[in-house]
């Protein structure tokens, strides 16, 4: 992983995407936000760090795809 990526805790991610931290942990994690792609566990521990750059990119891709589907 590159050193110039932004890593966020669940609470920090919550502030950026305006979802409750519990929703992130119980609904989005492992269904939309995938381990190894959108988050990782440093040193194999319990703490989770989210990779903001990947989450932001994927959110924009999904939004763009939904808009293009509506225009067809």
PDB file of N, CA and C in Angstrom:
ATOM      1  N   UNK A   1       0.834  -1.175   0.000  1.00  0.00           N
ATOM      2  CA  UNK A   1       0.000   0.000   0.000  1.00  0.00           C
ATOM      3  C   UNK A   1       0.876   1.235   0.000  1.00  0.00           C
ATOM      4  N   UNK A   2       0.449   2.223  -0.706  1.00  0.00           N
ATOM      5  CA  UNK A   2       1.198   3.457  -0.843  1.00  0.00           C
ATOM      6  C   UNK A   2       1.089   4.306   0.420  1.00  0.00           C
ATOM      7  N   UNK A   3       2.147   5.025   0.734  1.00  0.00           N
ATOM      8  CA  UNK A   3       2.155   5.868   1.926  1.00  0.00           C
ATOM      9  C   UNK A   3       1.314   7.123   1.780  1.00  0.00           C
ATOM     10  N   UNK A   4       0.919   7.485   0.570  1.00  0.00           N
ATOM     11  CA  UNK A   4       0.161   8.717   0.392  1.00  0.00           C
ATOM     12  C   UNK A   4      -1.351   8.505   0.470  1.00  0.00           C
ATOM     13  N   UNK A   5      -1.790   7.351   0.906  1.00  0.00           N
ATOM     14  CA  UNK A   5      -3.220   7.089   1.059  1.00  0.00           C
ATOM     15  C   UNK A   5      -3.691   7.602   2.416  1.00  0.00           C
ATOM     16  N   UNK A   6      -4.967   7.920   2.489  1.00  0.00           N
ATOM     17  CA  UNK A   6      -5.568   8.395   3.729  1.00  0.00           C
ATOM     18  C   UNK A   6      -6.294   7.235   4.395  1.00  0.00           C
ATOM     19  N   UNK A   7      -5.901   6.946   5.624  1.00  0.00           N
ATOM     20  CA  UNK A   7      -6.524   5.876   6.397  1.00  0.00           C
ATOM     21  C   UNK A   7      -7.440   6.494   7.444  1.00  0.00           C
ATOM     22  N   UNK A   8      -8.638   5.931   7.589  1.00  0.00           N
ATOM     23  CA  UNK A   8      -9.636   6.471   8.504  1.00  0.00           C
ATOM     24  C   UNK A   8     -10.152   5.395   9.443  1.00  0.00           C
ATOM     25  N   UNK A   9     -10.471   5.802  10.666  1.00  0.00           N
ATOM     26  CA  UNK A   9     -11.181   4.915  11.582  1.00  0.00           C
ATOM     27  C   UNK A   9     -12.657   4.898  11.175  1.00  0.00           C
ATOM     28  N   UNK A  10     -13.425   4.046  11.803  1.00  0.00           N
ATOM     29  CA  UNK A  10     -14.858   3.983  11.508  1.00  0.00           C
ATOM     30  C   UNK A  10     -15.531   5.319  11.805  1.00  0.00           C
ATOM     31  N   UNK A  11     -15.180   5.945  12.917  1.00  0.00           N
ATOM     32  CA  UNK A  11     -15.785   7.234  13.268  1.00  0.00           C
ATOM     33  C   UNK A  11     -15.411   8.325  12.269  1.00  0.00           C
ATOM     34  N   UNK A  12     -14.169   8.333  11.818  1.00  0.00           N
ATOM     35  CA  UNK A  12     -13.740   9.326  10.829  1.00  0.00           C
ATOM     36  C   UNK A  12     -14.453   9.110   9.494  1.00  0.00           C
ATOM     37  N   UNK A  13     -14.570   7.849   9.083  1.00  0.00           N
ATOM     38  CA  UNK A  13     -15.289   7.536   7.843  1.00  0.00           C
ATOM     39  C   UNK A  13     -16.748   7.962   7.958  1.00  0.00           C
ATOM     40  N   UNK A  14     -17.330   7.733   9.111  1.00  0.00           N
ATOM     41  CA  UNK A  14     -18.711   8.124   9.367  1.00  0.00           C
ATOM     42  C   UNK A  14     -18.922   9.614   9.113  1.00  0.00           C
ATOM     43  N   UNK A  15     -17.986  10.429   9.557  1.00  0.00           N
ATOM     44  CA  UNK A  15     -18.084  11.864   9.338  1.00  0.00           C
ATOM     45  C   UNK A  15     -18.000  12.251   7.875  1.00  0.00           C
ATOM     46  N   UNK A  16     -17.247  11.501   7.107  1.00  0.00           N
ATOM     47  CA  UNK A  16     -17.084  11.833   5.680  1.00  0.00           C
ATOM     48  C   UNK A  16     -18.256  11.382   4.831  1.00  0.00           C
ATOM     49  N   UNK A  17     -18.806  10.204   5.111  1.00  0.00           N
ATOM     50  CA  UNK A  17     -19.877   9.691   4.247  1.00  0.00           C
ATOM     51  C   UNK A  17     -21.269   9.853   4.862  1.00  0.00           C
ATOM     52  N   UNK A  18     -21.324  10.421   6.057  1.00  0.00           N
ATOM     53  CA  UNK A  18     -22.603  10.738   6.719  1.00  0.00           C
ATOM     54  C   UNK A  18     -23.463   9.509   6.991  1.00  0.00           C
ATOM     55  N   UNK A  19     -22.809   8.427   7.381  1.00  0.00           N
ATOM     56  CA  UNK A  19     -23.495   7.226   7.866  1.00  0.00           C
ATOM     57  C   UNK A  19     -23.100   7.034   9.319  1.00  0.00           C
ATOM     58  N   UNK A  20     -24.005   6.523  10.111  1.00  0.00           N
ATOM     59  CA  UNK A  20     -23.718   6.223  11.504  1.00  0.00           C
ATOM     60  C   UNK A  20     -22.626   5.157  11.574  1.00  0.00           C
ATOM     61  N   UNK A  21     -21.710   5.252  12.541  1.00  0.00           N
ATOM     62  CA  UNK A  21     -20.659   4.230  12.658  1.00  0.00           C
ATOM     63  C   UNK A  21     -21.212   2.807  12.772  1.00  0.00           C
ATOM     64  N   UNK A  22     -22.350   2.658  13.435  1.00  0.00           N
ATOM     65  CA  UNK A  22     -22.948   1.314  13.555  1.00  0.00           C
ATOM     66  C   UNK A  22     -23.398   0.787  12.203  1.00  0.00           C
ATOM     67  N   UNK A  23     -23.904   1.666  11.349  1.00  0.00           N
ATOM     68  CA  UNK A  23     -24.311   1.255  10.000  1.00  0.00           C
ATOM     69  C   UNK A  23     -23.099   0.802   9.206  1.00  0.00           C
ATOM     70  N   UNK A  24     -22.002   1.516   9.344  1.00  0.00           N
ATOM     71  CA  UNK A  24     -20.773   1.122   8.649  1.00  0.00           C
ATOM     72  C   UNK A  24     -20.333  -0.255   9.122  1.00  0.00           C
ATOM     73  N   UNK A  25     -20.300  -0.461  10.436  1.00  0.00           N
ATOM     74  CA  UNK A  25     -19.836  -1.742  10.993  1.00  0.00           C
ATOM     75  C   UNK A  25     -20.787  -2.894  10.687  1.00  0.00           C
ATOM     76  N   UNK A  26     -22.091  -2.649  10.795  1.00  0.00           N
ATOM     77  CA  UNK A  26     -23.063  -3.745  10.718  1.00  0.00           C
ATOM     78  C   UNK A  26     -23.662  -3.978   9.336  1.00  0.00           C
ATOM     79  N   UNK A  27     -23.652  -2.966   8.475  1.00  0.00           N
ATOM     80  CA  UNK A  27     -24.309  -3.103   7.173  1.00  0.00           C
ATOM     81  C   UNK A  27     -23.317  -3.005   6.018  1.00  0.00           C
ATOM     82  N   UNK A  28     -22.504  -1.957   5.998  1.00  0.00           N
ATOM     83  CA  UNK A  28     -21.629  -1.724   4.849  1.00  0.00           C
ATOM     84  C   UNK A  28     -20.388  -2.608   4.848  1.00  0.00           C
ATOM     85  N   UNK A  29     -19.793  -2.813   6.027  1.00  0.00           N
ATOM     86  CA  UNK A  29     -18.571  -3.611   6.107  1.00  0.00           C
ATOM     87  C   UNK A  29     -18.875  -5.043   5.684  1.00  0.00           C
ATOM     88  N   UNK A  30     -18.079  -5.543   4.786  1.00  0.00           N
ATOM     89  CA  UNK A  30     -18.156  -6.907   4.252  1.00  0.00           C
ATOM     90  C   UNK A  30     -19.299  -7.133   3.259  1.00  0.00           C
ATOM     91  N   UNK A  31     -20.105  -6.109   2.984  1.00  0.00           N
ATOM     92  CA  UNK A  31     -21.075  -6.231   1.891  1.00  0.00           C
ATOM     93  C   UNK A  31     -20.728  -5.249   0.780  1.00  0.00           C
ATOM     94  N   UNK A  32     -20.427  -4.018   1.150  1.00  0.00           N
ATOM     95  CA  UNK A  32     -20.033  -2.991   0.185  1.00  0.00           C
ATOM     96  C   UNK A  32     -18.559  -2.647   0.358  1.00  0.00           C
ATOM     97  N   UNK A  33     -18.141  -2.517   1.601  1.00  0.00           N
ATOM     98  CA  UNK A  33     -16.740  -2.220   1.922  1.00  0.00           C
ATOM     99  C   UNK A  33     -16.044  -3.538   2.246  1.00  0.00           C
ATOM    100  N   UNK A  34     -15.110  -3.920   1.398  1.00  0.00           N
ATOM    101  CA  UNK A  34     -14.519  -5.253   1.477  1.00  0.00           C
ATOM    102  C   UNK A  34     -13.105  -5.222   2.047  1.00  0.00           C
ATOM    103  N   UNK A  35     -12.835  -6.191   2.918  1.00  0.00           N
ATOM    104  CA  UNK A  35     -11.501  -6.302   3.510  1.00  0.00           C
ATOM    105  C   UNK A  35     -10.477  -6.590   2.417  1.00  0.00           C
ATOM    106  N   UNK A  36      -9.362  -5.893   2.479  1.00  0.00           N
ATOM    107  CA  UNK A  36      -8.312  -6.043   1.485  1.00  0.00           C
ATOM    108  C   UNK A  36      -8.460  -5.087   0.314  1.00  0.00           C
ATOM    109  N   UNK A  37      -9.641  -4.519   0.159  1.00  0.00           N
ATOM    110  CA  UNK A  37      -9.882  -3.532  -0.899  1.00  0.00           C
ATOM    111  C   UNK A  37     -10.162  -2.167  -0.275  1.00  0.00           C
ATOM    112  N   UNK A  38     -11.155  -2.119   0.597  1.00  0.00           N
ATOM    113  CA  UNK A  38     -11.570  -0.856   1.205  1.00  0.00           C
ATOM    114  C   UNK A  38     -11.069  -0.688   2.636  1.00  0.00           C
ATOM    115  N   UNK A  39     -10.683  -1.757   3.276  1.00  0.00           N
ATOM    116  CA  UNK A  39     -10.155  -1.642   4.637  1.00  0.00           C
ATOM    117  C   UNK A  39      -9.201  -2.783   4.929  1.00  0.00           C
ATOM    118  N   UNK A  40      -8.435  -2.597   5.995  1.00  0.00           N
ATOM    119  CA  UNK A  40      -7.525  -3.641   6.446  1.00  0.00           C
ATOM    120  C   UNK A  40      -7.393  -3.559   7.959  1.00  0.00           C
ATOM    121  N   UNK A  41      -6.816  -4.609   8.520  1.00  0.00           N
ATOM    122  CA  UNK A  41      -6.579  -4.690   9.963  1.00  0.00           C
ATOM    123  C   UNK A  41      -5.069  -4.641  10.187  1.00  0.00           C
ATOM    124  N   UNK A  42      -4.556  -3.481  10.631  1.00  0.00           N
ATOM    125  CA  UNK A  42      -3.104  -3.372  10.796  1.00  0.00           C
ATOM    126  C   UNK A  42      -2.579  -4.387  11.809  1.00  0.00           C
ATOM    127  N   UNK A  43      -1.487  -4.994  11.451  1.00  0.00           N
ATOM    128  CA  UNK A  43      -0.795  -5.958  12.315  1.00  0.00           C
ATOM    129  C   UNK A  43      -1.685  -7.128  12.714  1.00  0.00           C
ATOM    130  N   UNK A  44      -2.718  -7.414  11.921  1.00  0.00           N
ATOM    131  CA  UNK A  44      -3.589  -8.554  12.185  1.00  0.00           C
ATOM    132  C   UNK A  44      -4.479  -8.397  13.397  1.00  0.00           C
ATOM    133  N   UNK A  45      -4.623  -7.179  13.897  1.00  0.00           N
ATOM    134  CA  UNK A  45      -5.419  -6.937  15.097  1.00  0.00           C
ATOM    135  C   UNK A  45      -6.893  -6.750  14.805  1.00  0.00           C
ATOM    136  N   UNK A  46      -7.601  -6.269  15.815  1.00  0.00           N
ATOM    137  CA  UNK A  46      -9.045  -6.051  15.679  1.00  0.00           C
ATOM    138  C   UNK A  46      -9.381  -4.701  15.063  1.00  0.00           C
ATOM    139  N   UNK A  47      -8.500  -3.732  15.243  1.00  0.00           N
ATOM    140  CA  UNK A  47      -8.746  -2.380  14.733  1.00  0.00           C
ATOM    141  C   UNK A  47      -8.839  -2.404  13.214  1.00  0.00           C
ATOM    142  N   UNK A  48      -9.766  -1.620  12.684  1.00  0.00           N
ATOM    143  CA  UNK A  48      -9.963  -1.531  11.238  1.00  0.00           C
ATOM    144  C   UNK A  48      -9.610  -0.125  10.783  1.00  0.00           C
ATOM    145  N   UNK A  49      -8.844  -0.045   9.704  1.00  0.00           N
ATOM    146  CA  UNK A  49      -8.567   1.234   9.059  1.00  0.00           C
ATOM    147  C   UNK A  49      -9.122   1.178   7.642  1.00  0.00           C
ATOM    148  N   UNK A  50      -9.912   2.180   7.306  1.00  0.00           N
ATOM    149  CA  UNK A  50     -10.519   2.271   5.984  1.00  0.00           C
ATOM    150  C   UNK A  50      -9.620   3.081   5.069  1.00  0.00           C
ATOM    151  N   UNK A  51      -9.547   2.688   3.814  1.00  0.00           N
ATOM    152  CA  UNK A  51      -8.707   3.358   2.818  1.00  0.00           C
ATOM    153  C   UNK A  51      -9.608   4.338   2.066  1.00  0.00           C
ATOM    154  N   UNK A  52      -9.533   5.605   2.450  1.00  0.00           N
ATOM    155  CA  UNK A  52     -10.448   6.612   1.933  1.00  0.00           C
ATOM    156  C   UNK A  52     -10.400   6.733   0.416  1.00  0.00           C
ATOM    157  N   UNK A  53      -9.218   6.742  -0.162  1.00  0.00           N
ATOM    158  CA  UNK A  53      -9.083   6.943  -1.609  1.00  0.00           C
ATOM    159  C   UNK A  53      -9.855   5.886  -2.399  1.00  0.00           C
ATOM    160  N   UNK A  54      -9.789   4.648  -1.957  1.00  0.00           N
ATOM    161  CA  UNK A  54     -10.500   3.568  -2.663  1.00  0.00           C
ATOM    162  C   UNK A  54     -12.003   3.665  -2.464  1.00  0.00           C
ATOM    163  N   UNK A  55     -12.414   4.021  -1.254  1.00  0.00           N
ATOM    164  CA  UNK A  55     -13.846   4.157  -0.979  1.00  0.00           C
ATOM    165  C   UNK A  55     -14.428   5.291  -1.810  1.00  0.00           C
ATOM    166  N   UNK A  56     -13.736   6.422  -1.835  1.00  0.00           N
ATOM    167  CA  UNK A  56     -14.216   7.577  -2.595  1.00  0.00           C
ATOM    168  C   UNK A  56     -14.305   7.254  -4.088  1.00  0.00           C
ATOM    169  N   UNK A  57     -13.287   6.594  -4.618  1.00  0.00           N
ATOM    170  CA  UNK A  57     -13.282   6.215  -6.035  1.00  0.00           C
ATOM    171  C   UNK A  57     -14.454   5.294  -6.356  1.00  0.00           C
ATOM    172  N   UNK A  58     -14.670   4.275  -5.531  1.00  0.00           N
ATOM    173  CA  UNK A  58     -15.758   3.325  -5.785  1.00  0.00           C
ATOM    174  C   UNK A  58     -17.129   3.978  -5.626  1.00  0.00           C
ATOM    175  N   UNK A  59     -17.282   4.897  -4.670  1.00  0.00           N
ATOM    176  CA  UNK A  59     -18.556   5.593  -4.517  1.00  0.00           C
ATOM    177  C   UNK A  59     -18.866   6.406  -5.768  1.00  0.00           C
ATOM    178  N   UNK A  60     -17.862   7.046  -6.335  1.00  0.00           N
ATOM    179  CA  UNK A  60     -18.068   7.849  -7.541  1.00  0.00           C
ATOM    180  C   UNK A  60     -18.360   6.966  -8.749  1.00  0.00           C
ATOM    181  N   UNK A  61     -17.716   5.810  -8.843  1.00  0.00           N
ATOM    182  CA  UNK A  61     -17.989   4.885  -9.950  1.00  0.00           C
ATOM    183  C   UNK A  61     -19.432   4.409  -9.901  1.00  0.00           C
ATOM    184  N   UNK A  62     -19.884   4.047  -8.718  1.00  0.00           N
ATOM    185  CA  UNK A  62     -21.249   3.549  -8.560  1.00  0.00           C
ATOM    186  C   UNK A  62     -22.240   4.647  -8.909  1.00  0.00           C
ATOM    187  N   UNK A  63     -21.994   5.863  -8.439  1.00  0.00           N
ATOM    188  CA  UNK A  63     -22.887   6.985  -8.743  1.00  0.00           C
ATOM    189  C   UNK A  63     -22.927   7.260 -10.235  1.00  0.00           C
ATOM    190  N   UNK A  64     -21.785   7.263 -10.885  1.00  0.00           N
ATOM    191  CA  UNK A  64     -21.729   7.515 -12.326  1.00  0.00           C
ATOM    192  C   UNK A  64     -22.466   6.417 -13.086  1.00  0.00           C
ATOM    193  N   UNK A  65     -22.326   5.174 -12.659  1.00  0.00           N
ATOM    194  CA  UNK A  65     -23.017   4.060 -13.300  1.00  0.00           C
ATOM    195  C   UNK A  65     -24.520   4.165 -13.155  1.00  0.00           C
ATOM    196  N   UNK A  66     -24.992   4.594 -12.004  1.00  0.00           N
ATOM    197  CA  UNK A  66     -26.425   4.743 -11.790  1.00  0.00           C
ATOM    198  C   UNK A  66     -26.987   5.858 -12.659  1.00  0.00           C
ATOM    199  N   UNK A  67     -26.252   6.944 -12.800  1.00  0.00           N
ATOM    200  CA  UNK A  67     -26.708   8.055 -13.633  1.00  0.00           C
ATOM    201  C   UNK A  67     -26.780   7.622 -15.089  1.00  0.00           C
ATOM    202  N   UNK A  68     -25.748   6.917 -15.574  1.00  0.00           N
ATOM    203  CA  UNK A  68     -25.757   6.497 -16.980  1.00  0.00           C
ATOM    204  C   UNK A  68     -26.883   5.502 -17.246  1.00  0.00           C
ATOM    205  N   UNK A  69     -27.206   4.652 -16.281  1.00  0.00           N
ATOM    206  CA  UNK A  69     -28.322   3.715 -16.458  1.00  0.00           C
ATOM    207  C   UNK A  69     -29.651   4.456 -16.558  1.00  0.00           C
ATOM    208  N   UNK A  70     -29.793   5.539 -15.827  1.00  0.00           N
ATOM    209  CA  UNK A  70     -31.032   6.318 -15.863  1.00  0.00           C
ATOM    210  C   UNK A  70     -31.193   7.047 -17.190  1.00  0.00           C
ATOM    211  N   UNK A  71     -30.079   7.381 -17.835  1.00  0.00           N
ATOM    212  CA  UNK A  71     -30.134   8.141 -19.079  1.00  0.00           C
ATOM    213  C   UNK A  71     -30.416   7.254 -20.286  1.00  0.00           C
ATOM    214  N   UNK A  72     -30.341   5.955 -20.136  1.00  0.00           N
ATOM    215  CA  UNK A  72     -30.545   5.051 -21.274  1.00  0.00           C
ATOM    216  C   UNK A  72     -32.012   4.820 -21.534  1.00  0.00           C
TER     217      UNK A  72
END
